[in-house]
Amino acid sequence: MVGVVRAHHRFRVPLVASILVAGTATLLAATPQAGASPPASAYVIGPKGAHALGFPTTLRGAKESKATGVKGCSSAVDAVYLDATKQTGLVSEVVNCTSSTAASGAMATVRKRLTADRSIPVPGALGSSAFATSVEAPQYLLVWRTGSHLGFTAFDTDVPATTSSTSTTAVLPPITATQKALLGRAALAQLAIDHHLGG
């Protein structure tokens, strides 16, 4: 949400599963030691999970920010990965709120600011309030709430364009059906991490 509300997925500053089987979360995020609280970075898709989704290169490793700009939400963590061509990117982000009530309020704020795109499928497991948006195309985003966390998974179809400091009027590539499905799988993978860690 740091990216969504402030600079939309910090790919610019920067932005922005079929693998959901038993043990997936332990592949995607390291399991914390018994009695230890998992680090904030554990709640986003890690390099191994990103590689499994087809994004083998880490552009930005998981990094925590304490500046969310959102009442009741104290921190956010995101990570950014690139595919083999370095033309498309995956962003995994979680915003940590002080309570489920605060997270619900933050979700309502995000929903008001972003227009939903019903052409992008939203996995039912993400909950009834989850939605997809293409308002920042070529960055496409799935947003959901689970407990006191907000989850954001984004897919960037033109990394060179969104990371460039110069403006362009070129027609940007739309998200394909395959990419829409991949975005859903990535969101489910991120949700599985949260559930595995008891978020």
N, C-alpha and C. Protein backbone atom coordinates (compact mmCIF):
# COMPACT_ATOMS: atom_id res chain seq x y z
N MET A 1 0.80 -1.18 0.00
CA MET A 1 0.00 0.00 0.00
C MET A 1 0.85 1.25 0.00
N VAL A 2 2.05 1.17 0.55
CA VAL A 2 2.96 2.29 0.45
C VAL A 2 3.05 2.70 -1.00
N GLY A 3 3.25 1.68 -1.89
CA GLY A 3 3.34 1.99 -3.30
C GLY A 3 2.03 2.48 -3.86
N VAL A 4 0.93 1.87 -3.46
CA VAL A 4 -0.36 2.21 -4.03
C VAL A 4 -0.76 3.63 -3.70
N VAL A 5 -0.68 3.98 -2.41
CA VAL A 5 -1.18 5.28 -2.00
C VAL A 5 -0.19 6.39 -2.28
N ARG A 6 1.10 6.09 -2.18
CA ARG A 6 2.07 7.16 -2.27
C ARG A 6 2.65 7.29 -3.67
N ALA A 7 3.20 6.23 -4.21
CA ALA A 7 3.86 6.36 -5.51
C ALA A 7 3.55 5.19 -6.40
N HIS A 8 2.53 4.54 -6.13
CA HIS A 8 2.07 3.33 -6.78
C HIS A 8 3.17 2.38 -7.17
N HIS A 9 3.48 1.67 -6.23
CA HIS A 9 4.36 0.53 -6.32
C HIS A 9 5.78 0.80 -6.66
N ARG A 10 6.25 1.82 -6.24
CA ARG A 10 7.67 2.03 -6.14
C ARG A 10 8.50 1.25 -7.14
N PHE A 11 7.91 0.81 -8.27
CA PHE A 11 8.76 0.30 -9.33
C PHE A 11 9.37 1.55 -9.95
N ARG A 12 8.59 2.60 -9.94
CA ARG A 12 9.11 3.87 -10.39
C ARG A 12 10.01 4.44 -9.32
N VAL A 13 9.70 4.06 -8.11
CA VAL A 13 10.53 4.59 -7.05
C VAL A 13 10.94 3.53 -6.03
N PRO A 14 10.97 2.12 -6.17
CA PRO A 14 10.39 1.31 -7.24
C PRO A 14 8.92 0.98 -7.02
N LEU A 15 8.25 0.31 -7.95
CA LEU A 15 6.81 -0.01 -7.79
C LEU A 15 6.53 -0.85 -6.53
N VAL A 16 6.08 -1.75 -8.11
CA VAL A 16 5.69 -2.70 -8.11
C VAL A 16 6.18 -2.17 -8.31
N ALA A 17 -1.42 -20.40 -6.34
CA ALA A 17 -0.59 -20.83 -7.42
C ALA A 17 -0.75 -22.32 -7.58
N SER A 18 -0.52 -22.53 -8.82
CA SER A 18 -0.41 -23.96 -9.05
C SER A 18 0.68 -24.51 -8.15
N ILE A 19 1.49 -23.60 -7.63
CA ILE A 19 2.54 -24.01 -6.70
C ILE A 19 2.03 -24.09 -5.27
N LEU A 20 0.74 -23.78 -5.08
CA LEU A 20 0.18 -23.86 -3.73
C LEU A 20 -0.13 -25.31 -3.38
N VAL A 21 0.89 -25.98 -2.94
CA VAL A 21 0.72 -27.35 -2.50
C VAL A 21 1.27 -27.43 -1.08
N ALA A 22 1.11 -28.56 -0.45
CA ALA A 22 1.63 -28.70 0.91
C ALA A 22 3.11 -28.36 0.92
N GLY A 23 3.50 -27.48 1.83
CA GLY A 23 4.90 -27.09 1.94
C GLY A 23 5.28 -25.89 1.10
N THR A 24 4.36 -25.32 0.31
CA THR A 24 4.69 -24.19 -0.53
C THR A 24 5.24 -23.04 0.27
N ALA A 25 4.59 -22.72 1.38
CA ALA A 25 5.01 -21.54 2.14
C ALA A 25 6.44 -21.69 2.65
N THR A 26 6.85 -22.91 2.96
CA THR A 26 8.22 -23.08 3.43
C THR A 26 9.20 -22.92 2.29
N LEU A 27 8.73 -23.10 1.05
CA LEU A 27 9.59 -22.84 -0.10
C LEU A 27 9.72 -21.35 -0.32
N LEU A 28 8.60 -20.63 -0.14
CA LEU A 28 8.58 -19.22 -0.46
C LEU A 28 9.15 -18.35 0.64
N ALA A 29 9.03 -18.77 1.87
CA ALA A 29 9.53 -17.95 2.98
C ALA A 29 10.18 -18.86 4.01
N ALA A 30 11.22 -18.39 4.61
CA ALA A 30 11.90 -19.19 5.62
C ALA A 30 11.02 -19.36 6.85
N THR A 31 10.98 -20.55 7.39
CA THR A 31 10.19 -20.81 8.58
C THR A 31 10.93 -20.30 9.81
N PRO A 32 10.28 -19.42 10.61
CA PRO A 32 10.97 -18.89 11.78
C PRO A 32 11.17 -19.96 12.84
N GLN A 33 12.16 -19.78 13.69
CA GLN A 33 12.40 -20.72 14.78
C GLN A 33 11.23 -20.68 15.75
N ALA A 34 10.98 -21.79 16.41
CA ALA A 34 9.87 -21.87 17.36
C ALA A 34 9.97 -20.76 18.39
N GLY A 35 8.87 -20.05 18.60
CA GLY A 35 8.83 -18.99 19.59
C GLY A 35 9.34 -17.66 19.09
N ALA A 36 9.95 -17.64 17.91
CA ALA A 36 10.49 -16.40 17.38
C ALA A 36 9.48 -15.76 16.44
N SER A 37 9.40 -14.44 16.48
CA SER A 37 8.52 -13.73 15.56
C SER A 37 9.21 -13.65 14.20
N PRO A 38 8.50 -13.95 13.12
CA PRO A 38 9.13 -13.89 11.80
C PRO A 38 9.48 -12.45 11.45
N PRO A 39 10.56 -12.22 10.75
CA PRO A 39 10.89 -10.86 10.32
C PRO A 39 9.86 -10.36 9.33
N ALA A 40 9.72 -9.06 9.24
CA ALA A 40 8.73 -8.49 8.33
C ALA A 40 8.95 -8.95 6.90
N SER A 41 10.22 -9.13 6.52
CA SER A 41 10.53 -9.54 5.16
C SER A 41 10.03 -10.93 4.82
N ALA A 42 9.69 -11.72 5.84
CA ALA A 42 9.23 -13.09 5.60
C ALA A 42 7.84 -13.14 4.99
N TYR A 43 7.10 -12.03 5.04
CA TYR A 43 5.71 -12.03 4.59
C TYR A 43 5.54 -11.77 3.10
N VAL A 44 6.62 -11.46 2.41
CA VAL A 44 6.52 -11.25 0.96
C VAL A 44 7.18 -12.43 0.24
N ILE A 45 6.90 -12.56 -1.02
CA ILE A 45 7.48 -13.63 -1.81
C ILE A 45 9.00 -13.46 -1.85
N GLY A 46 9.71 -14.54 -1.53
CA GLY A 46 11.17 -14.51 -1.53
C GLY A 46 11.74 -14.89 -2.87
N PRO A 47 13.07 -14.83 -3.02
CA PRO A 47 13.71 -15.15 -4.30
C PRO A 47 13.37 -16.54 -4.83
N LYS A 48 13.31 -17.55 -3.96
CA LYS A 48 12.99 -18.90 -4.43
C LYS A 48 11.56 -18.96 -4.97
N GLY A 49 10.65 -18.34 -4.26
CA GLY A 49 9.27 -18.33 -4.71
C GLY A 49 9.11 -17.55 -6.00
N ALA A 50 9.82 -16.43 -6.11
CA ALA A 50 9.75 -15.63 -7.34
C ALA A 50 10.31 -16.42 -8.51
N HIS A 51 11.39 -17.15 -8.26
CA HIS A 51 11.99 -17.97 -9.32
C HIS A 51 11.00 -19.04 -9.79
N ALA A 52 10.28 -19.64 -8.84
CA ALA A 52 9.29 -20.66 -9.19
C ALA A 52 8.16 -20.09 -10.03
N LEU A 53 7.90 -18.80 -9.87
CA LEU A 53 6.85 -18.13 -10.64
C LEU A 53 7.36 -17.59 -11.97
N GLY A 54 8.66 -17.74 -12.22
CA GLY A 54 9.23 -17.29 -13.49
C GLY A 54 9.96 -15.96 -13.43
N PHE A 55 10.35 -15.55 -12.22
CA PHE A 55 11.06 -14.28 -12.03
C PHE A 55 12.37 -14.54 -11.28
N PRO A 56 13.41 -14.94 -11.99
CA PRO A 56 14.64 -15.39 -11.33
C PRO A 56 15.57 -14.29 -10.84
N THR A 57 15.34 -13.06 -11.25
CA THR A 57 16.26 -11.98 -10.90
C THR A 57 15.65 -11.06 -9.85
N THR A 58 16.39 -10.80 -8.79
CA THR A 58 15.93 -9.87 -7.75
C THR A 58 16.37 -8.46 -8.11
N LEU A 59 15.41 -7.60 -8.36
CA LEU A 59 15.71 -6.19 -8.62
C LEU A 59 15.84 -5.44 -7.30
N ARG A 60 14.97 -5.78 -6.37
CA ARG A 60 14.99 -5.14 -5.05
C ARG A 60 14.60 -6.19 -4.03
N GLY A 61 15.52 -6.55 -3.15
CA GLY A 61 15.22 -7.51 -2.12
C GLY A 61 14.23 -6.94 -1.12
N ALA A 62 13.63 -7.82 -0.33
CA ALA A 62 12.62 -7.38 0.64
C ALA A 62 13.17 -6.28 1.53
N LYS A 63 12.45 -5.17 1.57
CA LYS A 63 12.88 -4.01 2.34
C LYS A 63 11.70 -3.43 3.10
N GLU A 64 11.92 -3.15 4.37
CA GLU A 64 10.85 -2.62 5.21
C GLU A 64 10.90 -1.10 5.25
N SER A 65 9.71 -0.50 5.24
CA SER A 65 9.58 0.95 5.39
C SER A 65 8.62 1.23 6.54
N LYS A 66 8.96 2.19 7.37
CA LYS A 66 8.10 2.58 8.49
C LYS A 66 7.16 3.72 8.10
N ALA A 67 7.33 4.25 6.90
CA ALA A 67 6.50 5.37 6.46
C ALA A 67 5.42 4.87 5.50
N THR A 68 4.25 4.59 6.04
CA THR A 68 3.16 4.11 5.19
C THR A 68 2.22 5.24 4.78
N GLY A 69 2.16 6.29 5.57
CA GLY A 69 1.23 7.37 5.27
C GLY A 69 -0.21 6.98 5.48
N VAL A 70 -0.44 5.87 6.18
CA VAL A 70 -1.79 5.36 6.38
C VAL A 70 -2.06 5.20 7.88
N LYS A 71 -3.11 5.80 8.37
CA LYS A 71 -3.45 5.72 9.78
C LYS A 71 -3.67 4.27 10.19
N GLY A 72 -3.02 3.89 11.30
CA GLY A 72 -3.21 2.55 11.83
C GLY A 72 -2.34 1.49 11.20
N CYS A 73 -1.50 1.87 10.24
CA CYS A 73 -0.60 0.91 9.58
C CYS A 73 0.83 1.39 9.78
N SER A 74 1.62 0.59 10.48
CA SER A 74 2.91 1.05 10.97
C SER A 74 4.10 0.74 10.08
N SER A 75 3.96 -0.20 9.17
CA SER A 75 5.10 -0.55 8.32
C SER A 75 4.65 -1.26 7.06
N ALA A 76 5.54 -1.33 6.10
CA ALA A 76 5.28 -2.04 4.85
C ALA A 76 6.58 -2.67 4.37
N VAL A 77 6.45 -3.78 3.67
CA VAL A 77 7.61 -4.47 3.11
C VAL A 77 7.30 -4.81 1.67
N ASP A 78 8.27 -4.61 0.79
CA ASP A 78 8.07 -5.04 -0.59
C ASP A 78 9.34 -5.63 -1.15
N ALA A 79 9.17 -6.41 -2.22
CA ALA A 79 10.29 -6.99 -2.95
C ALA A 79 9.92 -6.97 -4.43
N VAL A 80 10.92 -6.78 -5.29
CA VAL A 80 10.68 -6.66 -6.73
C VAL A 80 11.58 -7.63 -7.48
N TYR A 81 10.99 -8.37 -8.41
CA TYR A 81 11.72 -9.37 -9.18
C TYR A 81 11.50 -9.18 -10.67
N LEU A 82 12.44 -9.65 -11.48
CA LEU A 82 12.34 -9.55 -12.93
C LEU A 82 12.35 -10.93 -13.56
N ASP A 83 11.69 -11.04 -14.72
CA ASP A 83 11.75 -12.30 -15.46
C ASP A 83 13.08 -12.38 -16.20
N ALA A 84 13.29 -13.45 -16.93
CA ALA A 84 14.58 -13.68 -17.60
C ALA A 84 14.89 -12.62 -18.64
N THR A 85 13.85 -12.03 -19.24
CA THR A 85 14.08 -11.01 -20.27
C THR A 85 14.30 -9.63 -19.67
N LYS A 86 14.00 -9.50 -18.37
CA LYS A 86 14.08 -8.21 -17.66
C LYS A 86 13.14 -7.17 -18.27
N GLN A 87 12.09 -7.68 -18.91
CA GLN A 87 11.07 -6.79 -19.48
C GLN A 87 9.82 -6.74 -18.62
N THR A 88 9.59 -7.80 -17.83
CA THR A 88 8.42 -7.84 -16.97
C THR A 88 8.84 -8.06 -15.53
N GLY A 89 8.06 -7.52 -14.63
CA GLY A 89 8.42 -7.57 -13.22
C GLY A 89 7.29 -8.01 -12.32
N LEU A 90 7.65 -8.51 -11.16
CA LEU A 90 6.71 -8.95 -10.14
C LEU A 90 7.02 -8.21 -8.85
N VAL A 91 5.99 -7.63 -8.24
CA VAL A 91 6.15 -6.94 -6.96
C VAL A 91 5.29 -7.64 -5.92
N SER A 92 5.89 -7.94 -4.79
CA SER A 92 5.17 -8.54 -3.66
C SER A 92 5.28 -7.57 -2.50
N GLU A 93 4.14 -7.14 -1.97
CA GLU A 93 4.16 -6.14 -0.90
C GLU A 93 3.12 -6.47 0.16
N VAL A 94 3.45 -6.20 1.41
CA VAL A 94 2.50 -6.35 2.51
C VAL A 94 2.58 -5.10 3.38
N VAL A 95 1.41 -4.63 3.81
CA VAL A 95 1.33 -3.50 4.73
C VAL A 95 0.84 -4.03 6.07
N ASN A 96 1.55 -3.71 7.12
CA ASN A 96 1.24 -4.21 8.45
C ASN A 96 0.48 -3.14 9.24
N CYS A 97 -0.73 -3.48 9.66
CA CYS A 97 -1.56 -2.56 10.42
C CYS A 97 -1.64 -3.02 11.88
N THR A 98 -2.10 -2.15 12.74
CA THR A 98 -2.10 -2.45 14.18
C THR A 98 -3.21 -3.41 14.58
N SER A 99 -4.24 -3.55 13.73
CA SER A 99 -5.36 -4.43 14.03
C SER A 99 -6.10 -4.75 12.74
N SER A 100 -6.99 -5.73 12.82
CA SER A 100 -7.80 -6.05 11.63
C SER A 100 -8.74 -4.89 11.31
N THR A 101 -9.17 -4.15 12.33
CA THR A 101 -10.04 -2.99 12.10
C THR A 101 -9.29 -1.91 11.33
N ALA A 102 -8.05 -1.66 11.73
CA ALA A 102 -7.24 -0.68 11.02
C ALA A 102 -6.98 -1.13 9.58
N ALA A 103 -6.75 -2.42 9.40
CA ALA A 103 -6.51 -2.95 8.05
C ALA A 103 -7.75 -2.80 7.18
N SER A 104 -8.92 -3.03 7.78
CA SER A 104 -10.17 -2.87 7.03
C SER A 104 -10.35 -1.43 6.59
N GLY A 105 -10.02 -0.49 7.48
CA GLY A 105 -10.13 0.92 7.13
C GLY A 105 -9.16 1.30 6.03
N ALA A 106 -7.95 0.77 6.11
CA ALA A 106 -6.96 1.04 5.08
C ALA A 106 -7.39 0.45 3.75
N MET A 107 -7.98 -0.74 3.80
CA MET A 107 -8.46 -1.38 2.58
C MET A 107 -9.55 -0.54 1.93
N ALA A 108 -10.43 0.02 2.74
CA ALA A 108 -11.51 0.86 2.22
C ALA A 108 -10.93 2.11 1.55
N THR A 109 -9.87 2.65 2.14
CA THR A 109 -9.23 3.83 1.56
C THR A 109 -8.63 3.52 0.20
N VAL A 110 -7.94 2.39 0.12
CA VAL A 110 -7.33 1.98 -1.14
C VAL A 110 -8.41 1.75 -2.20
N ARG A 111 -9.47 1.10 -1.79
CA ARG A 111 -10.55 0.78 -2.74
C ARG A 111 -11.18 2.04 -3.32
N LYS A 112 -11.26 3.10 -2.52
CA LYS A 112 -11.83 4.35 -2.99
C LYS A 112 -10.91 5.04 -4.00
N ARG A 113 -9.63 4.84 -3.83
CA ARG A 113 -8.65 5.54 -4.67
C ARG A 113 -8.34 4.83 -5.97
N LEU A 114 -8.61 3.54 -6.04
CA LEU A 114 -8.26 2.76 -7.22
C LEU A 114 -9.50 2.16 -7.87
N THR A 115 -9.64 2.34 -9.15
CA THR A 115 -10.77 1.78 -9.90
C THR A 115 -10.51 0.30 -10.19
N ALA A 116 -11.49 -0.53 -9.87
CA ALA A 116 -11.34 -1.97 -10.10
C ALA A 116 -11.41 -2.28 -11.59
N ASP A 117 -10.64 -3.27 -12.00
CA ASP A 117 -10.67 -3.77 -13.37
C ASP A 117 -11.22 -5.20 -13.31
N ARG A 118 -12.45 -5.36 -13.72
CA ARG A 118 -13.11 -6.66 -13.61
C ARG A 118 -12.65 -7.64 -14.69
N SER A 119 -11.81 -7.20 -15.62
CA SER A 119 -11.30 -8.12 -16.63
C SER A 119 -10.14 -8.97 -16.09
N ILE A 120 -9.62 -8.59 -14.91
CA ILE A 120 -8.54 -9.34 -14.29
C ILE A 120 -9.14 -10.24 -13.22
N PRO A 121 -9.03 -11.55 -13.35
CA PRO A 121 -9.63 -12.47 -12.37
C PRO A 121 -9.02 -12.29 -10.98
N VAL A 122 -9.88 -12.34 -9.97
CA VAL A 122 -9.44 -12.24 -8.58
C VAL A 122 -9.70 -13.58 -7.91
N PRO A 123 -8.68 -14.30 -7.48
CA PRO A 123 -8.90 -15.60 -6.82
C PRO A 123 -9.81 -15.47 -5.61
N GLY A 124 -10.78 -16.37 -5.51
CA GLY A 124 -11.73 -16.32 -4.41
C GLY A 124 -11.09 -16.40 -3.04
N ALA A 125 -9.94 -17.09 -2.95
CA ALA A 125 -9.26 -17.25 -1.66
C ALA A 125 -8.78 -15.92 -1.09
N LEU A 126 -8.70 -14.89 -1.91
CA LEU A 126 -8.24 -13.59 -1.44
C LEU A 126 -9.32 -12.84 -0.65
N GLY A 127 -10.54 -13.36 -0.69
CA GLY A 127 -11.61 -12.75 0.09
C GLY A 127 -12.52 -11.86 -0.74
N SER A 128 -13.69 -11.56 -0.18
CA SER A 128 -14.72 -10.83 -0.92
C SER A 128 -14.35 -9.36 -1.17
N SER A 129 -13.44 -8.81 -0.38
CA SER A 129 -13.08 -7.40 -0.57
C SER A 129 -11.91 -7.22 -1.53
N ALA A 130 -11.30 -8.31 -1.95
CA ALA A 130 -10.16 -8.23 -2.86
C ALA A 130 -10.59 -7.70 -4.22
N PHE A 131 -9.66 -7.01 -4.88
CA PHE A 131 -9.97 -6.50 -6.22
C PHE A 131 -8.69 -6.35 -7.02
N ALA A 132 -8.85 -6.20 -8.32
CA ALA A 132 -7.72 -5.97 -9.23
C ALA A 132 -7.88 -4.59 -9.85
N THR A 133 -6.77 -3.97 -10.21
CA THR A 133 -6.83 -2.67 -10.85
C THR A 133 -5.77 -2.55 -11.92
N SER A 134 -6.08 -1.79 -12.95
CA SER A 134 -5.11 -1.50 -14.02
C SER A 134 -4.91 0.00 -14.13
N VAL A 135 -5.25 0.74 -13.07
CA VAL A 135 -5.19 2.19 -13.11
C VAL A 135 -3.78 2.70 -13.34
N GLU A 136 -2.77 1.88 -12.99
CA GLU A 136 -1.38 2.28 -13.19
C GLU A 136 -0.71 1.47 -14.29
N ALA A 137 -1.49 1.04 -15.30
CA ALA A 137 -0.91 0.28 -16.41
C ALA A 137 0.30 1.03 -16.97
N PRO A 138 1.37 0.27 -17.26
CA PRO A 138 1.47 -1.18 -17.41
C PRO A 138 1.73 -1.94 -16.11
N GLN A 139 1.38 -1.36 -14.97
CA GLN A 139 1.46 -2.08 -13.71
C GLN A 139 0.05 -2.51 -13.32
N TYR A 140 -0.13 -3.80 -13.12
CA TYR A 140 -1.44 -4.37 -12.81
C TYR A 140 -1.38 -4.98 -11.42
N LEU A 141 -2.41 -4.76 -10.64
CA LEU A 141 -2.34 -4.99 -9.21
C LEU A 141 -3.51 -5.78 -8.66
N LEU A 142 -3.23 -6.71 -7.76
CA LEU A 142 -4.25 -7.38 -6.96
C LEU A 142 -4.08 -6.92 -5.51
N VAL A 143 -5.20 -6.58 -4.86
CA VAL A 143 -5.18 -6.06 -3.49
C VAL A 143 -6.14 -6.87 -2.64
N TRP A 144 -5.73 -7.22 -1.42
CA TRP A 144 -6.61 -7.96 -0.53
C TRP A 144 -6.23 -7.70 0.91
N ARG A 145 -7.09 -8.14 1.82
CA ARG A 145 -6.80 -8.03 3.25
C ARG A 145 -6.88 -9.40 3.90
N THR A 146 -5.94 -9.66 4.80
CA THR A 146 -5.99 -10.87 5.61
C THR A 146 -5.56 -10.51 7.02
N GLY A 147 -6.48 -10.60 7.97
CA GLY A 147 -6.18 -10.21 9.34
C GLY A 147 -5.79 -8.75 9.42
N SER A 148 -4.64 -8.48 10.01
CA SER A 148 -4.18 -7.09 10.15
C SER A 148 -3.22 -6.68 9.04
N HIS A 149 -3.18 -7.47 7.97
CA HIS A 149 -2.29 -7.17 6.85
C HIS A 149 -3.07 -6.84 5.58
N LEU A 150 -2.50 -5.97 4.78
CA LEU A 150 -2.97 -5.77 3.41
C LEU A 150 -1.93 -6.36 2.49
N GLY A 151 -2.37 -7.13 1.52
CA GLY A 151 -1.45 -7.73 0.56
C GLY A 151 -1.60 -7.08 -0.80
N PHE A 152 -0.48 -6.89 -1.47
CA PHE A 152 -0.46 -6.33 -2.81
C PHE A 152 0.47 -7.17 -3.66
N THR A 153 -0.02 -7.62 -4.80
CA THR A 153 0.83 -8.30 -5.76
C THR A 153 0.66 -7.59 -7.08
N ALA A 154 1.75 -7.18 -7.69
CA ALA A 154 1.66 -6.42 -8.93
C ALA A 154 2.50 -7.06 -10.02
N PHE A 155 2.05 -6.87 -11.24
CA PHE A 155 2.74 -7.39 -12.41
C PHE A 155 2.99 -6.21 -13.34
N ASP A 156 4.22 -6.01 -13.75
CA ASP A 156 4.59 -4.90 -14.63
C ASP A 156 4.93 -5.47 -16.00
N THR A 157 4.19 -5.06 -17.02
CA THR A 157 4.40 -5.62 -18.35
C THR A 157 5.45 -4.87 -19.16
N ASP A 158 5.99 -3.80 -18.63
CA ASP A 158 7.01 -3.04 -19.36
C ASP A 158 7.94 -2.34 -18.38
N VAL A 159 8.86 -3.11 -17.80
CA VAL A 159 9.78 -2.57 -16.80
C VAL A 159 10.61 -1.41 -17.33
N PRO A 160 11.18 -1.49 -18.55
CA PRO A 160 11.97 -0.36 -19.04
C PRO A 160 11.18 0.95 -19.04
N ALA A 161 9.90 0.88 -19.39
CA ALA A 161 9.09 2.10 -19.43
C ALA A 161 8.82 2.65 -18.05
N THR A 162 8.50 1.77 -17.10
CA THR A 162 8.14 2.25 -15.77
C THR A 162 9.33 2.62 -14.91
N THR A 163 10.52 2.17 -15.28
CA THR A 163 11.71 2.55 -14.52
C THR A 163 12.45 3.71 -15.18
N SER A 164 12.00 4.13 -16.35
CA SER A 164 12.65 5.23 -17.04
C SER A 164 12.28 6.56 -16.40
N SER A 165 13.22 7.49 -16.41
CA SER A 165 12.97 8.83 -15.86
C SER A 165 12.39 9.77 -16.90
N THR A 166 12.30 9.31 -18.15
CA THR A 166 11.75 10.15 -19.20
C THR A 166 10.34 9.72 -19.51
N SER A 167 9.52 10.67 -19.93
CA SER A 167 8.13 10.37 -20.27
C SER A 167 8.06 9.83 -21.69
N THR A 168 7.01 9.07 -21.97
CA THR A 168 6.83 8.52 -23.30
C THR A 168 5.35 8.47 -23.65
N THR A 169 5.08 8.60 -24.94
CA THR A 169 3.70 8.49 -25.41
C THR A 169 3.49 7.19 -26.15
N ALA A 170 4.48 6.31 -26.07
CA ALA A 170 4.39 5.02 -26.76
C ALA A 170 3.25 4.19 -26.17
N VAL A 171 2.66 3.37 -27.03
CA VAL A 171 1.60 2.47 -26.57
C VAL A 171 2.23 1.36 -25.74
N LEU A 172 1.79 1.21 -24.51
CA LEU A 172 2.37 0.21 -23.62
C LEU A 172 1.66 -1.12 -23.78
N PRO A 173 2.36 -2.22 -23.61
CA PRO A 173 1.75 -3.54 -23.81
C PRO A 173 0.68 -3.83 -22.77
N PRO A 174 -0.49 -4.30 -23.19
CA PRO A 174 -1.53 -4.67 -22.23
C PRO A 174 -1.18 -5.97 -21.54
N ILE A 175 -1.83 -6.25 -20.45
CA ILE A 175 -1.62 -7.51 -19.75
C ILE A 175 -2.33 -8.62 -20.51
N THR A 176 -1.66 -9.74 -20.68
CA THR A 176 -2.24 -10.85 -21.42
C THR A 176 -3.01 -11.78 -20.49
N ALA A 177 -3.76 -12.69 -21.07
CA ALA A 177 -4.51 -13.66 -20.27
C ALA A 177 -3.55 -14.51 -19.43
N THR A 178 -2.42 -14.88 -20.02
CA THR A 178 -1.43 -15.67 -19.28
C THR A 178 -0.87 -14.89 -18.10
N GLN A 179 -0.60 -13.62 -18.32
CA GLN A 179 -0.08 -12.78 -17.26
C GLN A 179 -1.11 -12.54 -16.16
N LYS A 180 -2.38 -12.42 -16.54
CA LYS A 180 -3.45 -12.28 -15.54
C LYS A 180 -3.49 -13.50 -14.64
N ALA A 181 -3.37 -14.67 -15.25
CA ALA A 181 -3.38 -15.91 -14.47
C ALA A 181 -2.16 -15.98 -13.55
N LEU A 182 -1.01 -15.55 -14.07
CA LEU A 182 0.21 -15.55 -13.27
C LEU A 182 0.10 -14.59 -12.09
N LEU A 183 -0.52 -13.44 -12.30
CA LEU A 183 -0.72 -12.48 -11.22
C LEU A 183 -1.56 -13.12 -10.11
N GLY A 184 -2.59 -13.85 -10.49
CA GLY A 184 -3.41 -14.54 -9.50
C GLY A 184 -2.63 -15.59 -8.73
N ARG A 185 -1.79 -16.35 -9.44
CA ARG A 185 -1.00 -17.38 -8.77
C ARG A 185 0.00 -16.76 -7.79
N ALA A 186 0.58 -15.65 -8.19
CA ALA A 186 1.53 -14.97 -7.31
C ALA A 186 0.83 -14.45 -6.05
N ALA A 187 -0.36 -13.90 -6.22
CA ALA A 187 -1.11 -13.41 -5.06
C ALA A 187 -1.45 -14.55 -4.11
N LEU A 188 -1.83 -15.68 -4.65
CA LEU A 188 -2.14 -16.84 -3.81
C LEU A 188 -0.89 -17.35 -3.10
N ALA A 189 0.24 -17.29 -3.77
CA ALA A 189 1.49 -17.70 -3.13
C ALA A 189 1.82 -16.77 -1.96
N GLN A 190 1.61 -15.47 -2.16
CA GLN A 190 1.86 -14.52 -1.08
C GLN A 190 0.88 -14.74 0.07
N LEU A 191 -0.36 -15.01 -0.25
CA LEU A 191 -1.38 -15.29 0.79
C LEU A 191 -0.99 -16.53 1.58
N ALA A 192 -0.48 -17.54 0.90
CA ALA A 192 -0.08 -18.77 1.58
C ALA A 192 1.04 -18.51 2.59
N ILE A 193 1.94 -17.60 2.24
CA ILE A 193 3.01 -17.24 3.18
C ILE A 193 2.41 -16.64 4.43
N ASP A 194 1.49 -15.72 4.26
CA ASP A 194 0.86 -15.05 5.39
C ASP A 194 0.14 -16.04 6.29
N HIS A 195 -0.59 -16.97 5.68
CA HIS A 195 -1.31 -17.98 6.47
C HIS A 195 -0.33 -18.91 7.18
N HIS A 196 0.74 -19.26 6.49
CA HIS A 196 1.74 -20.16 7.08
C HIS A 196 2.40 -19.53 8.31
N LEU A 197 2.61 -18.22 8.25
CA LEU A 197 3.26 -17.51 9.34
C LEU A 197 2.27 -17.06 10.41
N GLY A 198 1.00 -17.36 10.18
CA GLY A 198 -0.01 -17.01 11.17
C GLY A 198 -0.39 -15.55 11.17
N GLY A 199 -0.28 -14.91 9.98
CA GLY A 199 -0.60 -13.49 9.89
C GLY A 199 -2.07 -13.22 9.85
